[in-house]
Amino acid sequence: MDNNTARDEFSDVFARVQSQLADLAAVQKQQAALSVSAAAADQTVEVTVNAQGQLTKVVIDESYLDDHEFEDLGGVILQAARAAAQDAGRQVAELLAPIGERYTSLPSFSDFVEGATNISDLLPDGFGWSAVPGARKQDTEAFTGKRLDGGDPVRVRS
């Protein structure tokens, strides 16, 4: 490959990387604003989580105790939080999917410079654009509305 061809190819890749970084910044803003809620126990308990699945809000309606036991409240909150966190993870994965697909189509530095280190070689093990944390069985069941204990389904809202 001659120098002009290599320069043109590298310029194209560099422009794609810059576009990728701009898209990543936009996705990070969307993630920062992401908030997912889930309700359980006949809509009397509602929790909200952020993009990382961290609990940010819990609302318990006074009528919860009319039809539900106080001893079950902790489990109900956990179940709703798991459902909301699972949905938040799904939404983050959807946001990152196009970036991950484009990332895999980018050539590596070693395609241009023999012996060059690739960026992916510098990343910690397990890091990847398409990596999505594996869902545990109980999270998946909560997200789909199937309760492990056979109780009322959990409803998720974005």
Protein backbone atom coordinates (compact mmCIF):
# COMPACT_ATOMS: atom_id res chain seq x y z
CA MET A 1 0.00 0.00 0.00
CA ASP A 2 1.46 3.36 -0.95
CA ASN A 3 1.69 6.32 1.42
CA ASN A 4 -1.24 8.23 -0.11
CA THR A 5 -3.56 5.24 0.16
CA ALA A 6 -2.44 4.57 3.74
CA ARG A 7 -2.89 8.24 4.68
CA ASP A 8 -6.39 8.30 3.15
CA GLU A 9 -7.38 5.11 4.94
CA PHE A 10 -5.99 6.34 8.24
CA SER A 11 -7.80 9.69 7.81
CA ASP A 12 -11.05 7.82 7.21
CA VAL A 13 -10.55 5.65 10.30
CA PHE A 14 -9.59 8.69 12.38
CA ALA A 15 -12.80 10.49 11.29
CA ARG A 16 -14.82 7.38 12.21
CA VAL A 17 -13.14 7.23 15.62
CA GLN A 18 -13.92 10.92 16.23
CA SER A 19 -17.55 10.30 15.27
CA GLN A 20 -17.60 7.28 17.59
CA LEU A 21 -16.29 9.39 20.48
CA ALA A 22 -18.94 12.06 19.83
CA ASP A 23 -21.65 9.39 19.79
CA LEU A 24 -20.26 7.91 22.99
CA ALA A 25 -20.44 11.32 24.69
CA ALA A 26 -24.08 11.64 23.61
CA VAL A 27 -24.86 8.17 24.98
CA GLN A 28 -23.19 9.06 28.27
CA LYS A 29 -25.52 12.06 28.59
CA GLN A 30 -28.50 9.81 27.89
CA GLN A 31 -27.28 7.35 30.50
CA ALA A 32 -26.88 10.11 33.07
CA ALA A 33 -30.51 11.08 32.53
CA LEU A 34 -31.86 7.52 32.49
CA SER A 35 -34.36 6.72 35.20
CA VAL A 36 -36.42 3.53 35.35
CA SER A 37 -39.27 2.78 37.74
CA ALA A 38 -40.98 -0.46 38.68
CA ALA A 39 -44.04 -1.04 40.81
CA ALA A 40 -45.08 -4.11 42.79
CA ALA A 41 -47.66 -5.22 45.34
CA ASP A 42 -50.65 -3.94 43.40
CA GLN A 43 -48.81 -0.74 42.52
CA THR A 44 -48.47 0.23 46.20
CA VAL A 45 -44.67 0.06 46.12
CA GLU A 46 -42.71 1.92 43.47
CA VAL A 47 -38.95 2.14 43.13
CA THR A 48 -36.75 4.10 40.75
CA VAL A 49 -33.20 3.28 39.69
CA ASN A 50 -30.57 5.07 37.60
CA ALA A 51 -28.65 3.68 34.60
CA GLN A 52 -26.31 1.76 36.90
CA GLY A 53 -29.28 0.08 38.59
CA GLN A 54 -28.75 2.03 41.80
CA LEU A 55 -31.86 2.70 43.82
CA THR A 56 -32.68 6.42 43.76
CA LYS A 57 -36.25 6.52 45.06
CA VAL A 58 -38.73 4.35 46.96
CA VAL A 59 -42.40 5.25 47.35
CA ILE A 60 -44.70 3.14 49.51
CA ASP A 61 -48.38 3.92 49.41
CA GLU A 62 -50.14 3.92 52.79
CA SER A 63 -52.58 1.34 51.44
CA TYR A 64 -49.77 -1.27 51.16
CA LEU A 65 -50.62 -2.63 54.61
CA ASP A 66 -54.30 -3.01 53.70
CA ASP A 67 -53.58 -6.07 51.53
CA HIS A 68 -49.93 -6.95 52.23
CA GLU A 69 -47.81 -7.92 55.21
CA PHE A 70 -45.18 -5.56 56.58
CA GLU A 71 -42.72 -8.49 56.80
CA ASP A 72 -42.88 -8.86 53.00
CA LEU A 73 -42.07 -5.21 52.29
CA GLY A 74 -38.30 -5.67 52.03
CA GLY A 75 -38.69 -8.48 49.51
CA VAL A 76 -41.22 -6.48 47.51
CA ILE A 77 -38.82 -3.52 47.34
CA LEU A 78 -35.96 -5.81 46.28
CA GLN A 79 -38.05 -7.46 43.59
CA ALA A 80 -39.17 -4.14 42.14
CA ALA A 81 -35.60 -2.81 42.30
CA ARG A 82 -34.29 -5.88 40.47
CA ALA A 83 -36.92 -5.48 37.76
CA ALA A 84 -36.10 -1.80 37.33
CA ALA A 85 -32.34 -2.48 37.32
CA GLN A 86 -32.77 -5.23 34.73
CA ASP A 87 -34.74 -2.88 32.50
CA ALA A 88 -32.16 -0.12 33.01
CA GLY A 89 -29.44 -2.56 31.94
CA ARG A 90 -31.42 -3.48 28.84
CA GLN A 91 -31.90 0.18 27.93
CA VAL A 92 -28.19 0.94 28.42
CA ALA A 93 -27.31 -2.06 26.24
CA GLU A 94 -29.65 -0.73 23.54
CA LEU A 95 -27.99 2.68 23.74
CA LEU A 96 -24.52 1.15 23.41
CA ALA A 97 -25.35 -1.43 20.73
CA PRO A 98 -24.80 0.82 17.68
CA ILE A 99 -21.51 2.08 19.12
CA GLY A 100 -20.39 -1.49 19.80
CA GLU A 101 -21.27 -2.59 16.27
CA ARG A 102 -19.29 0.29 14.75
CA TYR A 103 -16.38 -0.34 17.12
CA THR A 104 -16.00 -3.90 15.89
CA SER A 105 -15.86 -2.66 12.29
CA LEU A 106 -12.90 -0.36 12.95
CA PRO A 107 -9.51 -1.68 11.83
CA SER A 108 -6.80 -2.11 14.43
CA PHE A 109 -3.64 -0.02 14.59
CA SER A 110 -1.61 -3.05 13.62
CA ASP A 111 -3.43 -2.98 10.26
CA PHE A 112 -1.58 0.28 9.58
CA VAL A 113 1.64 -0.07 11.53
CA GLU A 114 3.23 -3.46 11.89
CA GLY A 115 3.73 -4.39 15.54
CA ALA A 116 1.58 -1.51 16.86
CA THR A 117 -0.43 -2.16 20.03
CA ASN A 118 -4.18 -2.24 19.54
CA ILE A 119 -6.38 -0.20 21.85
CA SER A 120 -8.39 -3.30 22.73
CA ASP A 121 -5.17 -4.90 24.04
CA LEU A 122 -4.83 -2.05 26.53
CA LEU A 123 -8.35 -2.45 27.98
CA PRO A 124 -8.91 -4.45 31.17
CA ASP A 125 -10.07 -8.05 30.81
CA GLY A 126 -13.81 -8.34 30.35
CA PHE A 127 -14.21 -4.80 29.02
CA GLY A 128 -15.97 -4.50 25.70
CA TRP A 129 -18.51 -2.35 23.93
CA SER A 130 -20.92 -5.19 23.53
CA ALA A 131 -20.46 -6.54 27.05
CA VAL A 132 -23.71 -6.52 28.95
CA PRO A 133 -23.78 -7.83 32.51
CA GLY A 134 -25.37 -11.27 32.60
CA ALA A 135 -28.82 -11.37 34.01
CA ARG A 136 -29.38 -13.55 37.01
CA LYS A 137 -32.38 -15.85 36.95
CA GLN A 138 -34.26 -13.88 39.60
CA ASP A 139 -33.67 -10.59 37.75
CA THR A 140 -34.96 -12.06 34.49
CA GLU A 141 -38.03 -13.46 36.20
CA ALA A 142 -38.72 -10.13 37.88
CA PHE A 143 -38.32 -8.27 34.58
CA THR A 144 -40.70 -10.59 32.76
CA GLY A 145 -43.25 -10.17 35.52
CA LYS A 146 -42.96 -13.76 36.78
CA ARG A 147 -42.56 -13.84 40.52
CA LEU A 148 -40.45 -16.51 42.15
CA ASP A 149 -43.03 -16.80 44.93
CA GLY A 150 -46.02 -16.81 42.56
CA GLY A 151 -47.26 -13.40 43.80
CA ASP A 152 -48.40 -10.39 41.84
CA PRO A 153 -46.30 -9.40 38.83
CA VAL A 154 -43.90 -6.49 38.89
CA ARG A 155 -44.56 -3.69 36.42
CA VAL A 156 -41.68 -1.74 34.92
CA ARG A 157 -41.92 1.84 33.62
CA SER A 158 -39.26 3.88 31.89
